Amino acid sequence: MNVLIADKFERAGIQKLEAVGCTVTVEPAAKDDALRELIERSGCHVLIVRSTKVKAPMIAAGEALALIVRAGAGYDNIDVEAASSRSVFVANCPGKNAVAVAELAFGLILSLDRRIVENANDLRNGIWNKKEYSIARGLKGRTLGIVGFGQIGRALAARAAAFEMPVVAWSRSLTETEAAEAGVSRASSPVELARQSDIVSVHLAATGETKRMLSTEFFGALRPGSTFINTARGEVVDYDALAKAVRERQLRVGLDVFAREPAAATGTFDDPIVSAGPQVYGTHHIGASTDQAQSAIADETVRIVEHFKSTGEVLHCVNLCARSPARWSLSVRHLNRPGVLAHVLNEISHAGINVEEMANVICSGATAACAQIRLDARPPDDALDRIRSGNANVLGVTLTNLGT
């Protein structure tokens, strides 16, 4: 199996891929047209990326390309729709950077409360101002609101508990029972969470539903002087509304992600949010960039590729059909002989029926098997009769209405 890595990747991970029988090409600088040409030329079956954008022309160039692995959690840098249209699976590594991102988010919270950046800058400039910097609120007893309560949000909540901070959380899927089990309160909406919080940290995935979810109404619900942290994705926040809130409501802000990030790892940066006020802190989209996180992500990436190589199944696949269009299930018990499945599928095809899903499970001893074939319509009785009688190796046929 040919694997192309078009980003920085742990050396140990490359060695593990080679150890499981993969031929690995590493081109971390390949971008845009150069990456498209490389995908076409290399004949790669698997493409691994971190922040590199994978666009439709690149996917179309890969005749052998079957799997794209995002070595990280978010996958908005990959054109998933284009991948799905060409039957290319997309997988990610959820949760492996959760601790790293939670640590950075809490670091920003602490830094804003104690004004660590201003402290350090003044010291470097030869200024001593203990009188000014002795003023801080402290974190104990202040309410932390977490928008998005997946693995990162839960990791942040655990750290907040160590600082004796009450936590209120919101997520579309979070129930009252789950919130209670996690030791947090559940808000009914992001706006309600904002009303209850002294500090808000965002941990939402970037989707069509979350695009600019946090906007004017949300920031208007925050108390004046509140702290706002975003280490998730720039797309989930309306940064114009945030800049206005910084100026008008004196919000203190810590950001690791921005609406206008450079495409390369180095370059100029001109997002206007950093000019909204001196109380805006920023880091360089480094939330997942710890040795621990990258090692864990590399190991998970290798596991995904190895499992795909040996079974054809994709762990953490993000572009599987959410609901199968299959309406009927055809079970065919048969002897494990050549031509049986060809016979069954031929009859289904002649009936004008599409196979939506299929699995052939081999029984112990490998003398018999059962094919589970999910169909978009009911086969006519004469087709079923031909499936039963047309091949001596067919042992039994059962048709089930899936009721969908």
Protein backbone atom coordinates (compact mmCIF):
# COMPACT_ATOMS: atom_id res chain seq x y z
CA MET A 1 0.00 0.00 0.00
CA ASN A 2 1.43 3.38 -1.04
CA VAL A 3 1.11 6.15 1.56
CA LEU A 4 1.79 9.82 0.81
CA ILE A 5 2.40 12.14 3.76
CA ALA A 6 1.95 15.77 2.70
CA ASP A 7 2.71 17.46 6.01
CA LYS A 8 5.00 17.26 9.00
CA PHE A 9 4.67 13.86 10.67
CA GLU A 10 6.41 12.06 13.49
CA ARG A 11 9.45 10.06 12.36
CA ALA A 12 8.39 7.20 14.62
CA GLY A 13 5.02 7.14 12.83
CA ILE A 14 6.71 6.89 9.43
CA GLN A 15 8.80 3.97 10.67
CA LYS A 16 5.71 2.20 12.02
CA LEU A 17 3.93 2.58 8.66
CA GLU A 18 6.92 1.07 6.91
CA ALA A 19 7.02 -1.74 9.48
CA VAL A 20 3.45 -2.79 8.61
CA GLY A 21 4.34 -3.03 4.91
CA CYS A 22 3.51 0.42 3.56
CA THR A 23 5.63 2.24 0.99
CA VAL A 24 5.83 5.76 2.40
CA THR A 25 6.56 9.00 0.54
CA VAL A 26 7.02 12.13 2.66
CA GLU A 27 6.63 15.53 0.98
CA PRO A 28 5.70 18.01 3.73
CA ALA A 29 6.13 21.06 1.47
CA ALA A 30 3.80 19.87 -1.31
CA LYS A 31 0.81 22.19 -1.67
CA ASP A 32 -1.81 23.10 -4.29
CA ASP A 33 -0.77 22.14 -7.86
CA ALA A 34 2.41 20.47 -6.64
CA LEU A 35 0.38 18.22 -4.34
CA ARG A 36 -2.14 17.43 -7.08
CA GLU A 37 0.68 16.36 -9.40
CA LEU A 38 2.31 14.33 -6.64
CA ILE A 39 -0.93 12.48 -5.84
CA GLU A 40 -1.33 11.64 -9.53
CA ARG A 41 2.31 10.62 -10.03
CA SER A 42 2.75 8.63 -6.82
CA GLY A 43 -0.31 6.42 -7.24
CA CYS A 44 -0.90 6.71 -3.49
CA HIS A 45 -3.68 4.71 -1.89
CA VAL A 46 -3.60 6.76 1.33
CA LEU A 47 -2.97 10.48 1.81
CA ILE A 48 -2.05 11.80 5.27
CA VAL A 49 -2.25 15.53 6.07
CA ARG A 50 -2.36 17.83 9.07
CA SER A 51 -3.14 21.43 8.03
CA THR A 52 -2.52 21.02 4.28
CA LYS A 53 -5.65 21.79 2.28
CA VAL A 54 -6.95 18.88 0.20
CA LYS A 55 -9.11 20.25 -2.62
CA ALA A 56 -11.34 18.61 -5.21
CA PRO A 57 -8.78 18.65 -8.08
CA MET A 58 -6.25 16.88 -5.86
CA ILE A 59 -8.75 14.17 -4.97
CA ALA A 60 -9.76 13.76 -8.61
CA ALA A 61 -6.10 13.30 -9.58
CA GLY A 62 -5.75 10.21 -7.40
CA GLU A 63 -6.92 7.21 -9.41
CA ALA A 64 -5.71 4.86 -6.67
CA LEU A 65 -6.57 7.17 -3.77
CA ALA A 66 -8.94 5.42 -1.36
CA LEU A 67 -8.37 7.07 2.03
CA ILE A 68 -7.45 10.52 3.33
CA VAL A 69 -6.40 10.67 6.98
CA ARG A 70 -6.42 13.98 8.83
CA ALA A 71 -3.72 13.60 11.47
CA GLY A 72 -5.76 15.57 13.99
CA ALA A 73 -9.34 16.13 15.04
CA GLY A 74 -10.85 18.78 12.75
CA TYR A 75 -11.07 18.04 9.03
CA ASP A 76 -12.34 21.30 7.52
CA ASN A 77 -9.15 21.52 5.43
CA ILE A 78 -10.38 18.52 3.40
CA ASP A 79 -13.10 18.77 0.73
CA VAL A 80 -15.15 15.93 2.20
CA GLU A 81 -17.95 16.33 -0.36
CA ALA A 82 -15.50 15.92 -3.24
CA ALA A 83 -13.98 12.88 -1.52
CA SER A 84 -17.42 11.28 -1.04
CA SER A 85 -18.32 11.85 -4.69
CA ARG A 86 -15.29 9.75 -5.71
CA SER A 87 -15.73 7.07 -3.01
CA VAL A 88 -12.66 8.24 -1.11
CA PHE A 89 -12.96 7.71 2.65
CA VAL A 90 -11.95 10.49 5.04
CA ALA A 91 -10.87 9.70 8.60
CA ASN A 92 -9.63 11.78 11.53
CA CYS A 93 -8.01 11.19 14.93
CA PRO A 94 -10.55 12.49 17.46
CA GLY A 95 -9.54 13.16 21.04
CA LYS A 96 -5.81 12.56 20.65
CA ASN A 97 -5.03 16.27 21.03
CA ALA A 98 -7.67 16.93 23.69
CA VAL A 99 -5.27 17.40 26.59
CA ALA A 100 -2.93 19.63 24.57
CA VAL A 101 -5.74 21.97 23.51
CA ALA A 102 -7.23 22.04 27.01
CA GLU A 103 -3.82 22.93 28.43
CA LEU A 104 -3.42 25.84 26.01
CA ALA A 105 -6.95 27.09 26.69
CA PHE A 106 -6.28 27.07 30.41
CA GLY A 107 -2.92 28.71 29.85
CA LEU A 108 -4.67 31.58 28.05
CA ILE A 109 -7.20 31.87 30.88
CA LEU A 110 -4.43 32.14 33.48
CA SER A 111 -2.38 34.51 31.34
CA LEU A 112 -5.30 36.88 30.83
CA ASP A 113 -6.24 36.89 34.50
CA ARG A 114 -2.67 37.64 35.67
CA ARG A 115 -1.75 39.72 32.59
CA ILE A 116 1.37 37.64 32.06
CA VAL A 117 2.11 38.99 28.58
CA GLU A 118 2.10 42.62 29.74
CA ASN A 119 4.17 41.66 32.79
CA ALA A 120 6.82 40.00 30.63
CA ASN A 121 6.90 42.77 28.01
CA ASP A 122 7.37 45.50 30.61
CA LEU A 123 10.16 43.57 32.33
CA ARG A 124 11.97 43.12 29.01
CA ASN A 125 11.65 46.87 28.44
CA GLY A 126 13.14 47.66 31.84
CA ILE A 127 9.85 48.69 33.45
CA TRP A 128 8.93 47.61 37.01
CA ASN A 129 5.23 48.08 37.80
CA LYS A 130 4.24 45.85 40.69
CA LYS A 131 1.49 48.30 41.66
CA GLU A 132 -0.33 47.81 38.35
CA TYR A 133 0.18 44.07 37.96
CA SER A 134 -0.77 43.20 41.53
CA ILE A 135 -4.40 43.69 40.43
CA ALA A 136 -6.04 40.38 39.37
CA ARG A 137 -9.38 38.71 39.99
CA GLY A 138 -8.22 35.11 40.50
CA LEU A 139 -10.02 32.04 39.19
CA LYS A 140 -11.38 30.24 42.27
CA GLY A 141 -15.16 30.46 42.35
CA ARG A 142 -15.49 32.06 38.91
CA THR A 143 -17.78 30.24 36.49
CA LEU A 144 -16.26 28.71 33.39
CA GLY A 145 -18.61 28.20 30.43
CA ILE A 146 -17.60 25.56 27.89
CA VAL A 147 -19.26 25.73 24.46
CA GLY A 148 -18.90 22.28 22.93
CA PHE A 149 -18.51 19.43 25.41
CA GLY A 150 -16.59 16.76 23.55
CA GLN A 151 -13.29 15.31 24.67
CA ILE A 152 -11.50 18.69 24.72
CA GLY A 153 -14.31 20.37 26.62
CA ARG A 154 -14.33 17.55 29.17
CA ALA A 155 -10.54 17.76 29.56
CA LEU A 156 -10.86 21.48 30.22
CA ALA A 157 -13.65 20.90 32.76
CA ALA A 158 -11.39 18.49 34.68
CA ARG A 159 -8.69 21.14 34.90
CA ALA A 160 -11.17 23.77 35.99
CA ALA A 161 -12.25 21.50 38.84
CA ALA A 162 -8.67 21.53 40.14
CA PHE A 163 -8.91 25.34 40.28
CA GLU A 164 -12.24 25.13 42.15
CA MET A 165 -14.18 26.73 39.30
CA PRO A 166 -17.86 25.92 38.74
CA VAL A 167 -18.44 24.78 35.14
CA VAL A 168 -21.48 25.25 32.93
CA ALA A 169 -21.48 23.50 29.55
CA TRP A 170 -23.50 23.46 26.35
CA SER A 171 -23.45 20.99 23.48
CA ARG A 172 -26.21 19.89 21.13
CA SER A 173 -25.98 16.32 22.38
CA LEU A 174 -25.30 17.01 26.08
CA THR A 175 -28.07 15.72 28.35
CA GLU A 176 -28.79 16.65 31.96
CA THR A 177 -27.72 13.17 33.05
CA GLU A 178 -24.40 13.37 31.19
CA ALA A 179 -23.75 16.84 32.57
CA ALA A 180 -24.39 15.66 36.12
CA GLU A 181 -22.08 12.67 35.63
CA ALA A 182 -19.35 15.05 34.42
CA GLY A 183 -19.87 17.35 37.40
CA VAL A 184 -21.04 20.34 35.37
CA SER A 185 -24.25 22.31 34.91
CA ARG A 186 -26.02 22.22 31.55
CA ALA A 187 -27.02 25.42 29.76
CA SER A 188 -30.00 25.37 27.42
CA SER A 189 -28.21 27.40 24.72
CA PRO A 190 -24.90 29.17 24.04
CA VAL A 191 -26.54 32.52 24.89
CA GLU A 192 -27.80 31.17 28.22
CA LEU A 193 -24.31 29.85 28.90
CA ALA A 194 -22.86 33.30 28.19
CA ARG A 195 -25.23 34.87 30.72
CA GLN A 196 -24.06 32.49 33.45
CA SER A 197 -20.31 32.63 32.81
CA ASP A 198 -17.38 34.76 33.87
CA ILE A 199 -15.10 33.00 31.40
CA VAL A 200 -16.10 31.20 28.18
CA SER A 201 -13.97 28.70 26.27
CA VAL A 202 -15.05 27.45 22.82
CA HIS A 203 -14.54 23.86 21.67
CA LEU A 204 -16.87 23.45 18.69
CA ALA A 205 -16.13 21.64 15.44
CA ALA A 206 -16.37 23.72 12.28
CA THR A 207 -19.51 22.66 10.40
CA GLY A 208 -22.23 24.36 8.42
CA GLU A 209 -24.34 24.48 11.58
CA THR A 210 -21.64 26.10 13.73
CA LYS A 211 -20.39 28.70 11.23
CA ARG A 212 -20.39 32.07 13.07
CA MET A 213 -22.62 30.53 15.73
CA LEU A 214 -21.14 32.86 18.34
CA SER A 215 -22.11 36.34 17.20
CA THR A 216 -23.71 39.58 18.39
CA GLU A 217 -26.40 38.03 20.61
CA PHE A 218 -23.87 35.73 22.28
CA PHE A 219 -21.33 38.47 23.02
CA GLY A 220 -24.08 40.79 24.17
CA ALA A 221 -25.04 38.21 26.80
CA LEU A 222 -21.53 38.13 28.30
CA ARG A 223 -20.93 40.23 31.37
CA PRO A 224 -18.72 43.31 30.85
CA GLY A 225 -15.10 42.42 31.51
CA SER A 226 -15.63 38.70 30.88
CA THR A 227 -12.96 36.47 29.35
CA PHE A 228 -13.47 34.75 26.01
CA ILE A 229 -11.21 31.93 24.73
CA ASN A 230 -11.27 30.29 21.30
CA THR A 231 -8.90 27.41 20.61
CA ALA A 232 -11.35 25.58 18.30
CA ARG A 233 -11.85 27.06 14.82
CA GLY A 234 -12.01 30.65 13.63
CA GLU A 235 -15.09 29.90 11.54
CA VAL A 236 -17.34 29.32 14.58
CA VAL A 237 -16.97 32.93 15.78
CA ASP A 238 -18.11 36.19 14.19
CA TYR A 239 -14.87 38.09 14.77
CA ASP A 240 -16.38 41.45 13.77
CA ALA A 241 -18.94 41.02 16.55
CA LEU A 242 -16.17 39.94 18.91
CA ALA A 243 -14.03 43.00 18.09
CA LYS A 244 -17.01 45.24 18.82
CA ALA A 245 -17.59 43.51 22.16
CA VAL A 246 -13.90 43.95 23.05
CA ARG A 247 -14.19 47.69 22.51
CA GLU A 248 -17.64 48.21 24.02
CA ARG A 249 -17.76 45.60 26.80
CA GLN A 250 -14.06 45.38 27.68
CA LEU A 251 -13.86 41.66 27.06
CA ARG A 252 -10.51 39.98 27.63
CA VAL A 253 -9.82 37.57 24.78
CA GLY A 254 -7.42 34.69 24.14
CA LEU A 255 -7.32 33.25 20.61
CA ASP A 256 -5.39 30.41 19.03
CA VAL A 257 -7.44 30.41 15.81
CA PHE A 258 -8.42 33.21 13.47
CA ALA A 259 -10.67 33.96 10.53
CA ARG A 260 -7.66 34.97 8.42
CA GLU A 261 -4.77 32.60 9.05
CA PRO A 262 -1.76 32.36 6.71
CA ALA A 263 -1.78 29.20 4.59
CA ALA A 264 1.90 28.53 5.30
CA ALA A 265 3.56 27.78 8.63
CA THR A 266 5.33 31.17 8.52
CA GLY A 267 4.38 34.49 6.96
CA THR A 268 2.75 37.85 7.62
CA PHE A 269 -0.41 38.10 9.70
CA ASP A 270 -2.98 40.87 9.44
CA ASP A 271 -6.22 39.71 11.06
CA PRO A 272 -7.82 42.90 12.47
CA ILE A 273 -9.04 41.16 15.64
CA VAL A 274 -5.56 41.53 17.18
CA SER A 275 -5.91 45.32 16.93
CA ALA A 276 -9.25 45.39 18.74
CA GLY A 277 -7.56 46.18 22.06
CA PRO A 278 -4.53 45.43 24.23
CA GLN A 279 -6.56 42.85 26.14
CA VAL A 280 -6.54 40.51 23.09
CA TYR A 281 -3.98 37.72 23.44
CA GLY A 282 -3.10 35.35 20.60
CA THR A 283 -1.11 32.26 19.80
CA HIS A 284 -0.23 30.80 16.41
CA HIS A 285 -2.78 27.95 16.04
CA ILE A 286 -0.61 25.69 18.19
CA GLY A 287 -3.30 24.04 20.33
CA ALA A 288 -2.43 20.49 19.30
CA SER A 289 1.29 21.12 18.93
CA THR A 290 2.81 19.31 21.88
CA ASP A 291 5.13 16.33 21.62
CA GLN A 292 2.64 14.24 23.57
CA ALA A 293 -0.27 15.12 21.28
CA GLN A 294 1.67 14.63 18.06
CA SER A 295 2.96 11.25 19.20
CA ALA A 296 -0.56 10.12 20.10
CA ILE A 297 -1.94 11.40 16.77
CA ALA A 298 0.81 9.64 14.82
CA ASP A 299 0.07 6.37 16.60
CA GLU A 300 -3.65 6.71 15.85
CA THR A 301 -2.95 7.55 12.20
CA VAL A 302 -0.84 4.41 11.89
CA ARG A 303 -3.62 2.37 13.51
CA ILE A 304 -6.16 3.73 11.00
CA VAL A 305 -3.93 2.92 8.02
CA GLU A 306 -2.96 -0.53 9.30
CA HIS A 307 -6.59 -1.45 9.98
CA PHE A 308 -7.61 -0.25 6.51
CA LYS A 309 -4.76 -2.20 4.92
CA SER A 310 -5.71 -5.44 6.66
CA THR A 311 -9.53 -5.23 6.66
CA GLY A 312 -10.65 -2.54 4.23
CA GLU A 313 -12.55 -0.88 7.08
CA VAL A 314 -11.98 2.76 8.02
CA LEU A 315 -11.77 3.71 11.69
CA HIS A 316 -13.18 7.16 12.57
CA CYS A 317 -14.61 7.57 9.07
CA VAL A 318 -16.35 10.96 8.79
CA ASN A 319 -18.06 10.55 5.41
CA LEU A 320 -20.11 7.41 5.75
CA CYS A 321 -23.76 7.74 4.77
CA ALA A 322 -25.63 8.73 7.94
CA ARG A 323 -28.67 6.70 6.94
CA SER A 324 -28.55 3.87 4.45
CA PRO A 325 -31.05 4.08 1.58
CA ALA A 326 -31.47 0.29 1.79
CA ARG A 327 -35.07 -0.87 2.25
CA TRP A 328 -34.70 -4.66 2.10
CA SER A 329 -32.13 -7.13 3.43
CA LEU A 330 -31.39 -10.31 1.51
CA SER A 331 -29.58 -13.05 3.46
CA VAL A 332 -28.07 -15.82 1.39
CA ARG A 333 -26.56 -18.81 3.23
CA HIS A 334 -24.21 -20.64 0.91
CA LEU A 335 -21.29 -22.99 0.58
CA ASN A 336 -18.00 -21.15 0.29
CA ARG A 337 -17.50 -21.83 -3.41
CA PRO A 338 -16.57 -19.66 -6.41
CA GLY A 339 -19.41 -18.14 -8.40
CA VAL A 340 -22.12 -18.09 -5.71
CA LEU A 341 -22.04 -14.35 -5.12
CA ALA A 342 -21.69 -13.67 -8.84
CA HIS A 343 -24.88 -15.68 -9.40
CA VAL A 344 -26.78 -13.78 -6.68
CA LEU A 345 -25.61 -10.35 -7.78
CA ASN A 346 -26.35 -11.13 -11.41
CA GLU A 347 -30.00 -11.85 -10.59
CA ILE A 348 -30.24 -8.66 -8.50
CA SER A 349 -28.74 -6.65 -11.35
CA HIS A 350 -31.12 -8.10 -13.95
CA ALA A 351 -34.02 -7.11 -11.67
CA GLY A 352 -32.84 -3.48 -11.85
CA ILE A 353 -32.17 -3.31 -8.10
CA ASN A 354 -29.19 -1.56 -6.54
CA VAL A 355 -27.02 -3.09 -3.84
CA GLU A 356 -26.56 -0.47 -1.12
CA GLU A 357 -24.45 -2.48 1.36
CA MET A 358 -22.99 -5.95 1.41
CA ALA A 359 -21.03 -8.23 3.72
CA ASN A 360 -20.06 -11.88 3.31
CA VAL A 361 -19.36 -13.56 6.65
CA ILE A 362 -17.36 -16.80 6.59
CA CYS A 363 -18.36 -19.44 9.14
CA SER A 364 -15.93 -21.49 11.22
CA GLY A 365 -14.14 -24.04 9.08
CA ALA A 366 -14.49 -21.84 5.96
CA THR A 367 -16.83 -24.32 4.27
CA ALA A 368 -19.90 -22.08 4.39
CA ALA A 369 -20.78 -18.40 4.59
CA CYS A 370 -23.68 -15.97 4.79
CA ALA A 371 -24.02 -12.98 2.47
CA GLN A 372 -25.95 -10.05 3.90
CA ILE A 373 -27.03 -7.87 0.98
CA ARG A 374 -28.98 -4.66 1.54
CA LEU A 375 -31.09 -3.50 -1.39
CA ASP A 376 -32.95 -0.34 -2.38
CA ALA A 377 -36.04 -2.28 -3.50
CA ARG A 378 -37.75 -5.65 -3.11
CA PRO A 379 -36.61 -8.31 -5.58
CA PRO A 380 -39.51 -9.90 -7.47
CA ASP A 381 -40.48 -13.43 -6.49
CA ASP A 382 -39.17 -14.96 -9.72
CA ALA A 383 -35.74 -13.40 -9.09
CA LEU A 384 -35.73 -14.87 -5.58
CA ASP A 385 -36.67 -18.26 -7.00
CA ARG A 386 -33.79 -18.10 -9.47
CA ILE A 387 -31.37 -17.14 -6.67
CA ARG A 388 -32.50 -20.18 -4.65
CA SER A 389 -32.50 -22.72 -7.50
CA GLY A 390 -29.92 -21.39 -9.95
CA ASN A 391 -26.80 -22.44 -8.05
CA ALA A 392 -26.40 -25.71 -6.16
CA ASN A 393 -24.21 -24.04 -3.54
CA VAL A 394 -27.03 -21.80 -2.27
CA LEU A 395 -28.33 -23.26 1.01
CA GLY A 396 -31.08 -20.80 1.89
CA VAL A 397 -32.48 -17.34 1.11
CA THR A 398 -34.29 -14.97 3.46
CA LEU A 399 -35.73 -11.55 2.57
CA THR A 400 -36.44 -9.00 5.32
CA ASN A 401 -38.25 -5.68 5.08
CA LEU A 402 -36.11 -3.14 6.97
CA GLY A 403 -39.18 -1.01 7.63
CA THR A 404 -37.54 2.29 6.62
